[in-house]
């Protein structure tokens, strides 16, 4: 029997390009209390790559099972694209029992969006990002062991 997989391949490509499915995050950082934990978290975040180009508002609205009560939401967003609609959706998530923190990426010369009273961490633009990348890891390339302390503002 001959099976034609072209339709399956095309369907999978169409689903991915239309971002009709959203997968749960698969990155884990183990719990720890040592001084390297902060750097481990930042390094892990720096290595994340988006799989889909789905507006964050759509994910927050449609993926309730991703945010059960008690979940901490860490939104990482460029300064220039954080919208009032996103903040409103995050306020709704907080009313439903989620803890929300926002990390803003971008040069501080840009006007800060209204972030209600959420904890906000501004990590700067390209220069700060490049500094974080350079300091991640030690001489042997081991993540979480550099001698340079990292700190969000």
Protein backbone atom coordinates (compact mmCIF):
# COMPACT_ATOMS: atom_id res chain seq x y z
CA UNK A 1 0.00 0.00 0.00
CA UNK A 2 1.31 3.45 -0.91
CA UNK A 3 0.61 6.32 1.47
CA UNK A 4 0.68 9.90 0.28
CA UNK A 5 1.93 12.08 3.14
CA UNK A 6 1.93 15.33 1.17
CA UNK A 7 -1.48 16.29 2.55
CA UNK A 8 -0.31 15.64 6.11
CA UNK A 9 2.85 17.68 5.60
CA UNK A 10 0.91 20.54 4.00
CA UNK A 11 -1.69 20.50 6.77
CA UNK A 12 1.00 20.59 9.46
CA UNK A 13 2.72 23.50 7.71
CA UNK A 14 -0.58 25.37 7.38
CA UNK A 15 -1.40 24.89 11.05
CA UNK A 16 2.01 26.12 12.09
CA UNK A 17 1.99 29.14 9.79
CA UNK A 18 -1.49 30.15 10.94
CA UNK A 19 -0.56 29.64 14.59
CA UNK A 20 -3.80 27.80 15.28
CA UNK A 21 -2.25 25.63 17.94
CA UNK A 22 -0.42 26.89 20.97
CA UNK A 23 1.78 24.50 22.85
CA UNK A 24 2.52 24.69 26.54
CA UNK A 25 5.99 25.88 27.46
CA UNK A 26 8.56 23.12 27.72
CA UNK A 27 11.38 24.97 29.44
CA UNK A 28 12.04 24.17 33.07
CA UNK A 29 14.43 25.73 35.55
CA UNK A 30 14.81 23.59 38.68
CA UNK A 31 14.11 25.19 42.04
CA UNK A 32 17.22 26.41 43.82
CA UNK A 33 18.22 28.89 46.48
CA UNK A 34 21.87 29.38 45.59
CA UNK A 35 23.31 32.53 44.05
CA UNK A 36 23.52 30.96 40.58
CA UNK A 37 19.72 30.58 40.31
CA UNK A 38 19.14 34.16 39.17
CA UNK A 39 21.67 33.79 36.37
CA UNK A 40 20.25 30.38 35.41
CA UNK A 41 16.79 31.92 34.97
CA UNK A 42 18.08 34.84 32.88
CA UNK A 43 20.20 32.54 30.73
CA UNK A 44 17.26 30.21 30.10
CA UNK A 45 15.04 33.15 29.15
CA UNK A 46 17.73 34.49 26.81
CA UNK A 47 17.75 31.22 24.87
CA UNK A 48 14.01 31.02 24.22
CA UNK A 49 12.89 31.31 20.62
CA UNK A 50 9.28 31.87 19.53
CA UNK A 51 7.68 28.96 17.71
CA UNK A 52 4.68 30.92 16.47
CA UNK A 53 3.87 34.52 15.74
CA UNK A 54 0.67 34.64 17.73
CA UNK A 55 -0.34 37.90 19.41
CA UNK A 56 0.15 37.60 23.17
CA UNK A 57 -3.39 38.87 23.70
CA UNK A 58 -4.75 35.81 21.87
CA UNK A 59 -2.73 33.45 24.04
CA UNK A 60 -3.85 35.13 27.27
CA UNK A 61 -7.51 35.10 26.14
CA UNK A 62 -7.71 31.56 24.79
CA UNK A 63 -5.35 29.48 26.88
CA UNK A 64 -6.98 29.37 30.32
CA UNK A 65 -5.51 25.93 31.09
CA UNK A 66 -2.05 27.44 30.70
CA UNK A 67 -2.72 29.77 33.65
CA UNK A 68 -4.32 27.86 36.55
CA UNK A 69 -4.91 29.77 39.78
CA UNK A 70 -1.62 30.40 41.54
CA UNK A 71 0.47 30.45 38.36
CA UNK A 72 3.01 33.23 38.02
CA UNK A 73 2.89 34.89 34.62
CA UNK A 74 6.15 36.46 33.49
CA UNK A 75 5.45 38.54 30.39
CA UNK A 76 8.55 39.55 28.44
CA UNK A 77 7.69 42.28 25.97
CA UNK A 78 9.36 44.98 23.91
CA UNK A 79 8.58 48.41 25.36
CA UNK A 80 7.09 49.61 22.09
CA UNK A 81 4.61 46.72 21.68
CA UNK A 82 3.12 46.39 25.16
CA UNK A 83 -0.50 47.42 24.62
CA UNK A 84 -3.27 48.63 26.88
CA UNK A 85 -5.28 45.56 25.82
CA UNK A 86 -2.49 43.26 27.05
CA UNK A 87 -2.42 45.06 30.41
CA UNK A 88 -6.22 44.74 30.69
CA UNK A 89 -5.99 40.99 30.02
CA UNK A 90 -3.22 40.63 32.61
CA UNK A 91 -5.36 42.53 35.15
CA UNK A 92 -8.12 39.98 34.49
CA UNK A 93 -5.62 37.12 35.01
CA UNK A 94 -4.62 38.69 38.34
CA UNK A 95 -8.29 38.89 39.38
CA UNK A 96 -8.47 35.14 38.64
CA UNK A 97 -5.60 34.40 41.03
CA UNK A 98 -2.45 34.71 38.93
CA UNK A 99 0.65 36.64 39.96
CA UNK A 100 1.88 38.83 37.10
CA UNK A 101 5.34 40.30 36.48
CA UNK A 102 6.45 42.19 33.38
CA UNK A 103 9.94 42.32 31.88
CA UNK A 104 10.32 45.14 29.36
CA UNK A 105 13.01 45.08 26.71
CA UNK A 106 14.02 48.26 24.93
CA UNK A 107 15.87 51.51 25.31
CA UNK A 108 14.69 53.61 28.20
CA UNK A 109 14.43 56.69 26.03
CA UNK A 110 11.10 55.28 24.88
CA UNK A 111 8.03 56.21 26.86
CA UNK A 112 7.09 53.59 29.44
CA UNK A 113 3.61 52.17 28.86
CA UNK A 114 1.07 52.23 31.68
CA UNK A 115 1.59 48.91 33.47
CA UNK A 116 -1.03 49.38 36.19
CA UNK A 117 0.69 48.38 39.43
CA UNK A 118 2.39 45.21 38.15
CA UNK A 119 6.02 44.65 39.14
CA UNK A 120 8.04 45.78 36.11
CA UNK A 121 11.67 45.01 35.31
CA UNK A 122 13.29 47.04 32.53
CA UNK A 123 16.30 45.18 31.18
CA UNK A 124 17.38 47.70 28.57
CA UNK A 125 17.95 47.42 24.87
CA UNK A 126 20.56 45.82 22.63
CA UNK A 127 23.56 46.94 24.70
CA UNK A 128 22.23 45.39 27.91
CA UNK A 129 21.15 42.25 26.03
CA UNK A 130 24.62 41.81 24.55
CA UNK A 131 26.12 42.27 28.02
CA UNK A 132 23.86 39.53 29.39
CA UNK A 133 24.84 37.17 26.58
CA UNK A 134 28.57 37.85 27.07
CA UNK A 135 28.41 37.21 30.80
CA UNK A 136 26.27 34.05 30.66
CA UNK A 137 28.35 31.07 31.66
CA UNK A 138 31.94 30.73 32.77
CA UNK A 139 35.10 30.13 30.76
CA UNK A 140 34.15 26.49 30.22
CA UNK A 141 30.70 27.49 28.90
CA UNK A 142 28.84 26.22 31.97
CA UNK A 143 25.65 28.20 32.39
CA UNK A 144 24.95 29.76 35.77
CA UNK A 145 28.58 29.92 36.91
CA UNK A 146 29.96 33.22 35.64
CA UNK A 147 31.76 35.50 38.04
CA UNK A 148 29.82 38.52 36.76
CA UNK A 149 26.68 39.28 38.78
CA UNK A 150 23.52 39.92 36.77
CA UNK A 151 20.75 42.15 38.05
CA UNK A 152 17.49 43.44 36.64
CA UNK A 153 16.75 47.10 37.35
